[in-house]
Amino acid sequence: MKNKTLFQKIMYFLLEDESILSWVVCLALCFLIIKFIFFPLMGLVFSTSLPFVIVESESMEHNYNSFDSWWDNFHDWYDGNNLTKEQFLKFPLHNGFKKGDIIAVRKMSDYKIGDVIIFDARQEKSVIVNANQTKPIIHRVIEVDNDKNTLSTKGDNNKDQLPTGVENDIPKKKIFGKAIFKVPKLGWVKLFIVQNYNKVKKMVGK
């Protein structure tokens, strides 16, 4: 090690050293690279401030053995809103996705029925429509109003739309983008850390 350059020593510390300090530094570097380089770069590529989201709810899950089984339990709402099974099968991500999946998001100039979009559920002036909903929602477009230039959405696993008008008349300026593909389960790494951190925080606060 004495004859190695500073760069070689740093690379050895990061890539070959098995010490706890080396692991901590590597994890910190990974976090910084992802947050300050990877995400901004992907934001430019996908033209959105939110290029990736982690699914934190079960509102888009299809917890059934097949699409037909899911449709048998949820078709009443879609029948009543003039959306057929044949139409739904042609929708992107028609089998939904699960909590813990990572969704890649791309800003589009236009959205159509069946697209899965990510949008801000808050009203203007930071007034929250639903006090419990402060994070972006990822649901499927079920209506497009070209006259008002707005959209309406619904979670596949929800029997109806969210209350208080959260999913109706969504202006396009509130939309971060469209889901273009998913990475299954990888988001559980962050969810596990955040959920356990919140549990510890509550215990300490008592």
C-alpha atoms as a PDB file:
ATOM      1  CA  MET A   1       0.000   0.000   0.000  1.00  0.00           C
ATOM      2  CA  LYS A   2       2.918   2.362   0.642  1.00  0.00           C
ATOM      3  CA  ASN A   3       3.849   2.520  -3.055  1.00  0.00           C
ATOM      4  CA  LYS A   4       0.307   3.075  -4.285  1.00  0.00           C
ATOM      5  CA  THR A   5      -0.976   6.420  -5.448  1.00  0.00           C
ATOM      6  CA  LEU A   6      -3.751   8.231  -3.595  1.00  0.00           C
ATOM      7  CA  PHE A   7      -6.245   7.205  -6.292  1.00  0.00           C
ATOM      8  CA  GLN A   8      -5.225   3.535  -5.968  1.00  0.00           C
ATOM      9  CA  LYS A   9      -5.600   3.729  -2.184  1.00  0.00           C
ATOM     10  CA  ILE A  10      -9.073   5.222  -2.530  1.00  0.00           C
ATOM     11  CA  MET A  11     -10.162   2.561  -5.021  1.00  0.00           C
ATOM     12  CA  TYR A  12      -8.786  -0.192  -2.792  1.00  0.00           C
ATOM     13  CA  PHE A  13     -10.694   1.260   0.174  1.00  0.00           C
ATOM     14  CA  LEU A  14     -13.945   1.411  -1.785  1.00  0.00           C
ATOM     15  CA  LEU A  15     -13.741  -1.845  -3.757  1.00  0.00           C
ATOM     16  CA  GLU A  16     -11.606  -4.275  -1.765  1.00  0.00           C
ATOM     17  CA  ASP A  17     -11.524  -3.170   1.845  1.00  0.00           C
ATOM     18  CA  GLU A  18     -13.998  -5.233   3.910  1.00  0.00           C
ATOM     19  CA  SER A  19     -14.166  -2.845   6.851  1.00  0.00           C
ATOM     20  CA  ILE A  20     -17.470  -1.460   8.137  1.00  0.00           C
ATOM     21  CA  LEU A  21     -16.266   2.057   7.336  1.00  0.00           C
ATOM     22  CA  SER A  22     -15.719   1.070   3.701  1.00  0.00           C
ATOM     23  CA  TRP A  23     -19.263  -0.297   3.473  1.00  0.00           C
ATOM     24  CA  VAL A  24     -20.727   2.854   5.038  1.00  0.00           C
ATOM     25  CA  VAL A  25     -18.790   5.129   2.664  1.00  0.00           C
ATOM     26  CA  CYS A  26     -19.823   3.028  -0.371  1.00  0.00           C
ATOM     27  CA  LEU A  27     -23.487   3.182   0.607  1.00  0.00           C
ATOM     28  CA  ALA A  28     -23.271   6.936   1.136  1.00  0.00           C
ATOM     29  CA  LEU A  29     -21.625   7.379  -2.270  1.00  0.00           C
ATOM     30  CA  CYS A  30     -24.309   5.259  -3.938  1.00  0.00           C
ATOM     31  CA  PHE A  31     -27.011   7.399  -2.338  1.00  0.00           C
ATOM     32  CA  LEU A  32     -25.342  10.642  -3.457  1.00  0.00           C
ATOM     33  CA  ILE A  33     -24.798   9.387  -7.018  1.00  0.00           C
ATOM     34  CA  ILE A  34     -28.405   8.211  -7.356  1.00  0.00           C
ATOM     35  CA  LYS A  35     -29.931  11.349  -5.820  1.00  0.00           C
ATOM     36  CA  PHE A  36     -27.756  14.050  -7.383  1.00  0.00           C
ATOM     37  CA  ILE A  37     -26.617  12.505 -10.681  1.00  0.00           C
ATOM     38  CA  PHE A  38     -28.813   9.574 -11.761  1.00  0.00           C
ATOM     39  CA  PHE A  39     -32.215  11.065 -10.903  1.00  0.00           C
ATOM     40  CA  PRO A  40     -31.556  14.513 -12.399  1.00  0.00           C
ATOM     41  CA  LEU A  41     -30.181  12.877 -15.555  1.00  0.00           C
ATOM     42  CA  MET A  42     -33.216  10.607 -15.876  1.00  0.00           C
ATOM     43  CA  GLY A  43     -35.425  13.629 -15.228  1.00  0.00           C
ATOM     44  CA  LEU A  44     -33.928  15.278 -18.300  1.00  0.00           C
ATOM     45  CA  VAL A  45     -34.287  12.107 -20.377  1.00  0.00           C
ATOM     46  CA  PHE A  46     -37.950  11.570 -19.371  1.00  0.00           C
ATOM     47  CA  SER A  47     -38.809  15.304 -19.231  1.00  0.00           C
ATOM     48  CA  THR A  48     -40.227  15.139 -15.707  1.00  0.00           C
ATOM     49  CA  SER A  49     -39.247  16.120 -12.177  1.00  0.00           C
ATOM     50  CA  LEU A  50     -40.319  12.661 -11.005  1.00  0.00           C
ATOM     51  CA  PRO A  51     -38.671  10.062 -13.297  1.00  0.00           C
ATOM     52  CA  PHE A  52     -39.148   7.155 -10.873  1.00  0.00           C
ATOM     53  CA  VAL A  53     -41.699   6.470  -8.147  1.00  0.00           C
ATOM     54  CA  ILE A  54     -42.061   3.690  -5.604  1.00  0.00           C
ATOM     55  CA  VAL A  55     -45.573   2.277  -5.299  1.00  0.00           C
ATOM     56  CA  GLU A  56     -46.585   2.726  -1.660  1.00  0.00           C
ATOM     57  CA  SER A  57     -50.189   1.503  -1.722  1.00  0.00           C
ATOM     58  CA  GLU A  58     -52.170  -1.499  -2.945  1.00  0.00           C
ATOM     59  CA  SER A  59     -54.641   0.522  -5.022  1.00  0.00           C
ATOM     60  CA  MET A  60     -53.323  -0.833  -8.336  1.00  0.00           C
ATOM     61  CA  GLU A  61     -52.811  -4.468  -7.338  1.00  0.00           C
ATOM     62  CA  HIS A  62     -54.616  -7.365  -9.014  1.00  0.00           C
ATOM     63  CA  ASN A  63     -54.525  -9.946  -6.247  1.00  0.00           C
ATOM     64  CA  TYR A  64     -56.087 -12.715  -8.311  1.00  0.00           C
ATOM     65  CA  ASN A  65     -54.867 -15.757 -10.222  1.00  0.00           C
ATOM     66  CA  SER A  66     -55.665 -14.220 -13.591  1.00  0.00           C
ATOM     67  CA  PHE A  67     -56.973 -11.097 -15.272  1.00  0.00           C
ATOM     68  CA  ASP A  68     -60.333 -12.828 -15.745  1.00  0.00           C
ATOM     69  CA  SER A  69     -60.612 -13.406 -11.993  1.00  0.00           C
ATOM     70  CA  TRP A  70     -59.849  -9.760 -11.281  1.00  0.00           C
ATOM     71  CA  TRP A  71     -62.337  -8.610 -13.925  1.00  0.00           C
ATOM     72  CA  ASP A  72     -65.085 -10.801 -12.458  1.00  0.00           C
ATOM     73  CA  ASN A  73     -64.748  -8.884  -9.180  1.00  0.00           C
ATOM     74  CA  PHE A  74     -64.378  -5.358 -10.545  1.00  0.00           C
ATOM     75  CA  HIS A  75     -66.227  -5.241 -13.878  1.00  0.00           C
ATOM     76  CA  ASP A  76     -69.428  -3.656 -12.505  1.00  0.00           C
ATOM     77  CA  TRP A  77     -67.842  -0.209 -12.165  1.00  0.00           C
ATOM     78  CA  TYR A  78     -66.281  -0.363 -15.628  1.00  0.00           C
ATOM     79  CA  ASP A  79     -69.494  -1.652 -17.200  1.00  0.00           C
ATOM     80  CA  GLY A  80     -71.278   1.342 -15.700  1.00  0.00           C
ATOM     81  CA  ASN A  81     -68.684   3.694 -17.182  1.00  0.00           C
ATOM     82  CA  ASN A  82     -68.662   2.229 -20.694  1.00  0.00           C
ATOM     83  CA  LEU A  83     -65.275   0.492 -20.453  1.00  0.00           C
ATOM     84  CA  THR A  84     -65.243  -3.078 -21.751  1.00  0.00           C
ATOM     85  CA  LYS A  85     -63.019  -6.007 -20.888  1.00  0.00           C
ATOM     86  CA  GLU A  86     -61.625  -5.981 -24.421  1.00  0.00           C
ATOM     87  CA  GLN A  87     -60.651  -2.309 -24.036  1.00  0.00           C
ATOM     88  CA  PHE A  88     -59.018  -2.892 -20.672  1.00  0.00           C
ATOM     89  CA  LEU A  89     -56.891  -5.761 -21.982  1.00  0.00           C
ATOM     90  CA  LYS A  90     -55.314  -3.319 -24.449  1.00  0.00           C
ATOM     91  CA  PHE A  91     -54.380  -0.827 -21.696  1.00  0.00           C
ATOM     92  CA  PRO A  92     -50.723  -0.447 -20.648  1.00  0.00           C
ATOM     93  CA  LEU A  93     -49.962  -2.421 -17.457  1.00  0.00           C
ATOM     94  CA  HIS A  94     -53.442  -3.953 -17.656  1.00  0.00           C
ATOM     95  CA  ASN A  95     -52.496  -6.461 -14.941  1.00  0.00           C
ATOM     96  CA  GLY A  96     -51.678  -3.625 -12.559  1.00  0.00           C
ATOM     97  CA  PHE A  97     -48.642  -3.622 -10.284  1.00  0.00           C
ATOM     98  CA  LYS A  98     -47.813  -4.136  -6.632  1.00  0.00           C
ATOM     99  CA  LYS A  99     -46.723  -2.186  -3.610  1.00  0.00           C
ATOM    100  CA  GLY A 100     -42.926  -2.017  -3.659  1.00  0.00           C
ATOM    101  CA  ASP A 101     -42.618  -1.895  -7.446  1.00  0.00           C
ATOM    102  CA  ILE A 102     -40.656   0.964  -8.983  1.00  0.00           C
ATOM    103  CA  ILE A 103     -42.405   2.768 -11.843  1.00  0.00           C
ATOM    104  CA  ALA A 104     -40.539   4.716 -14.526  1.00  0.00           C
ATOM    105  CA  VAL A 105     -42.345   7.941 -15.443  1.00  0.00           C
ATOM    106  CA  ARG A 106     -42.232   9.987 -18.632  1.00  0.00           C
ATOM    107  CA  LYS A 107     -43.881  13.332 -19.313  1.00  0.00           C
ATOM    108  CA  MET A 108     -46.179  13.196 -22.342  1.00  0.00           C
ATOM    109  CA  SER A 109     -47.869  15.870 -24.413  1.00  0.00           C
ATOM    110  CA  ASP A 110     -51.124  13.946 -24.316  1.00  0.00           C
ATOM    111  CA  TYR A 111     -52.748  11.177 -22.275  1.00  0.00           C
ATOM    112  CA  LYS A 112     -55.504   8.755 -23.166  1.00  0.00           C
ATOM    113  CA  ILE A 113     -57.945   6.447 -21.396  1.00  0.00           C
ATOM    114  CA  GLY A 114     -56.107   3.436 -20.002  1.00  0.00           C
ATOM    115  CA  ASP A 115     -52.796   5.201 -19.371  1.00  0.00           C
ATOM    116  CA  VAL A 116     -51.401   4.992 -15.860  1.00  0.00           C
ATOM    117  CA  ILE A 117     -50.417   8.481 -14.716  1.00  0.00           C
ATOM    118  CA  ILE A 118     -48.691   9.993 -11.690  1.00  0.00           C
ATOM    119  CA  PHE A 119     -50.244  13.247 -10.493  1.00  0.00           C
ATOM    120  CA  ASP A 120     -50.205  15.745  -7.642  1.00  0.00           C
ATOM    121  CA  ALA A 121     -53.379  15.333  -5.579  1.00  0.00           C
ATOM    122  CA  ARG A 122     -53.131  18.755  -3.945  1.00  0.00           C
ATOM    123  CA  GLN A 123     -55.127  21.852  -4.806  1.00  0.00           C
ATOM    124  CA  GLU A 124     -53.662  25.288  -5.409  1.00  0.00           C
ATOM    125  CA  LYS A 125     -52.203  27.300  -2.508  1.00  0.00           C
ATOM    126  CA  SER A 126     -51.085  24.066  -0.820  1.00  0.00           C
ATOM    127  CA  VAL A 127     -54.615  23.216   0.323  1.00  0.00           C
ATOM    128  CA  ILE A 128     -54.775  19.429   0.501  1.00  0.00           C
ATOM    129  CA  VAL A 129     -57.862  17.824  -1.064  1.00  0.00           C
ATOM    130  CA  ASN A 130     -57.449  14.810   1.181  1.00  0.00           C
ATOM    131  CA  ALA A 131     -55.555  15.498   4.404  1.00  0.00           C
ATOM    132  CA  ASN A 132     -54.063  12.006   4.305  1.00  0.00           C
ATOM    133  CA  GLN A 133     -52.904  12.313   0.693  1.00  0.00           C
ATOM    134  CA  THR A 134     -49.800  14.478   0.522  1.00  0.00           C
ATOM    135  CA  LYS A 135     -47.855  12.283  -1.916  1.00  0.00           C
ATOM    136  CA  PRO A 136     -48.389  11.837  -5.667  1.00  0.00           C
ATOM    137  CA  ILE A 137     -51.031   9.316  -6.721  1.00  0.00           C
ATOM    138  CA  ILE A 138     -50.437   6.695  -9.419  1.00  0.00           C
ATOM    139  CA  HIS A 139     -53.749   5.575 -10.960  1.00  0.00           C
ATOM    140  CA  ARG A 140     -55.292   4.772 -14.331  1.00  0.00           C
ATOM    141  CA  VAL A 141     -57.014   7.323 -16.586  1.00  0.00           C
ATOM    142  CA  ILE A 142     -60.691   6.437 -17.001  1.00  0.00           C
ATOM    143  CA  GLU A 143     -61.975   9.664 -18.585  1.00  0.00           C
ATOM    144  CA  VAL A 144     -60.552  12.483 -20.710  1.00  0.00           C
ATOM    145  CA  ASP A 145     -62.369  15.814 -20.916  1.00  0.00           C
ATOM    146  CA  ASN A 146     -60.914  17.649 -23.908  1.00  0.00           C
ATOM    147  CA  ASP A 147     -63.135  20.686 -23.384  1.00  0.00           C
ATOM    148  CA  LYS A 148     -61.816  21.305 -19.867  1.00  0.00           C
ATOM    149  CA  ASN A 149     -58.394  19.797 -20.661  1.00  0.00           C
ATOM    150  CA  THR A 150     -58.627  17.568 -17.592  1.00  0.00           C
ATOM    151  CA  LEU A 151     -58.503  13.857 -16.743  1.00  0.00           C
ATOM    152  CA  SER A 152     -60.146  11.531 -14.241  1.00  0.00           C
ATOM    153  CA  THR A 153     -58.538   8.428 -12.760  1.00  0.00           C
ATOM    154  CA  LYS A 154     -59.245   5.348 -10.644  1.00  0.00           C
ATOM    155  CA  GLY A 155     -57.134   2.729  -8.889  1.00  0.00           C
ATOM    156  CA  ASP A 156     -57.609  -0.735 -10.417  1.00  0.00           C
ATOM    157  CA  ASN A 157     -57.977  -2.274  -6.951  1.00  0.00           C
ATOM    158  CA  ASN A 158     -60.429   0.352  -5.701  1.00  0.00           C
ATOM    159  CA  LYS A 159     -64.138  -0.336  -6.018  1.00  0.00           C
ATOM    160  CA  ASP A 160     -64.699   3.339  -6.800  1.00  0.00           C
ATOM    161  CA  GLN A 161     -62.764   6.576  -7.164  1.00  0.00           C
ATOM    162  CA  LEU A 162     -61.175   8.258  -4.155  1.00  0.00           C
ATOM    163  CA  PRO A 163     -63.528  10.577  -2.216  1.00  0.00           C
ATOM    164  CA  THR A 164     -63.673  14.376  -2.184  1.00  0.00           C
ATOM    165  CA  GLY A 165     -63.023  14.750  -5.880  1.00  0.00           C
ATOM    166  CA  VAL A 166     -59.342  13.812  -5.657  1.00  0.00           C
ATOM    167  CA  GLU A 167     -59.471  11.914  -8.942  1.00  0.00           C
ATOM    168  CA  ASN A 168     -61.842  14.095 -10.928  1.00  0.00           C
ATOM    169  CA  ASP A 169     -60.967  17.065 -13.144  1.00  0.00           C
ATOM    170  CA  ILE A 170     -57.199  16.673 -12.815  1.00  0.00           C
ATOM    171  CA  PRO A 171     -55.520  19.484 -14.812  1.00  0.00           C
ATOM    172  CA  LYS A 172     -52.637  18.391 -17.011  1.00  0.00           C
ATOM    173  CA  LYS A 173     -50.262  20.737 -15.195  1.00  0.00           C
ATOM    174  CA  LYS A 174     -50.672  18.472 -12.141  1.00  0.00           C
ATOM    175  CA  ILE A 175     -49.491  15.385 -14.023  1.00  0.00           C
ATOM    176  CA  PHE A 176     -45.869  14.319 -13.567  1.00  0.00           C
ATOM    177  CA  GLY A 177     -46.111  11.817 -16.393  1.00  0.00           C
ATOM    178  CA  LYS A 178     -47.154   8.403 -17.639  1.00  0.00           C
ATOM    179  CA  ALA A 179     -45.943   5.035 -16.323  1.00  0.00           C
ATOM    180  CA  ILE A 180     -43.815   3.485 -19.062  1.00  0.00           C
ATOM    181  CA  PHE A 181     -42.467   0.378 -17.327  1.00  0.00           C
ATOM    182  CA  LYS A 182     -42.102  -1.200 -13.887  1.00  0.00           C
ATOM    183  CA  VAL A 183     -39.268  -2.793 -11.935  1.00  0.00           C
ATOM    184  CA  PRO A 184     -40.897  -5.390  -9.625  1.00  0.00           C
ATOM    185  CA  LYS A 185     -40.254  -5.316  -5.855  1.00  0.00           C
ATOM    186  CA  LEU A 186     -37.018  -3.285  -5.882  1.00  0.00           C
ATOM    187  CA  GLY A 187     -38.711  -0.403  -4.091  1.00  0.00           C
ATOM    188  CA  TRP A 188     -39.186  -2.563  -0.999  1.00  0.00           C
ATOM    189  CA  VAL A 189     -35.594  -1.741  -0.018  1.00  0.00           C
ATOM    190  CA  LYS A 190     -36.549   1.892   0.603  1.00  0.00           C
ATOM    191  CA  LEU A 191     -40.029   1.078   1.943  1.00  0.00           C
ATOM    192  CA  PHE A 192     -38.552  -1.319   4.500  1.00  0.00           C
ATOM    193  CA  ILE A 193     -36.074   1.294   5.731  1.00  0.00           C
ATOM    194  CA  VAL A 194     -38.657   4.108   5.856  1.00  0.00           C
ATOM    195  CA  GLN A 195     -41.339   2.005   7.556  1.00  0.00           C
ATOM    196  CA  ASN A 196     -38.965   0.755  10.248  1.00  0.00           C
ATOM    197  CA  TYR A 197     -37.534   4.238  10.745  1.00  0.00           C
ATOM    198  CA  ASN A 198     -41.053   5.573  11.312  1.00  0.00           C
ATOM    199  CA  LYS A 199     -41.771   2.798  13.817  1.00  0.00           C
ATOM    200  CA  VAL A 200     -38.619   3.607  15.782  1.00  0.00           C
ATOM    201  CA  LYS A 201     -39.430   7.324  15.613  1.00  0.00           C
ATOM    202  CA  LYS A 202     -42.895   6.700  17.094  1.00  0.00           C
ATOM    203  CA  MET A 203     -41.472   4.525  19.852  1.00  0.00           C
ATOM    204  CA  VAL A 204     -38.880   7.143  20.768  1.00  0.00           C
ATOM    205  CA  GLY A 205     -41.513   9.864  20.717  1.00  0.00           C
ATOM    206  CA  LYS A 206     -43.724   8.092  23.254  1.00  0.00           C
END
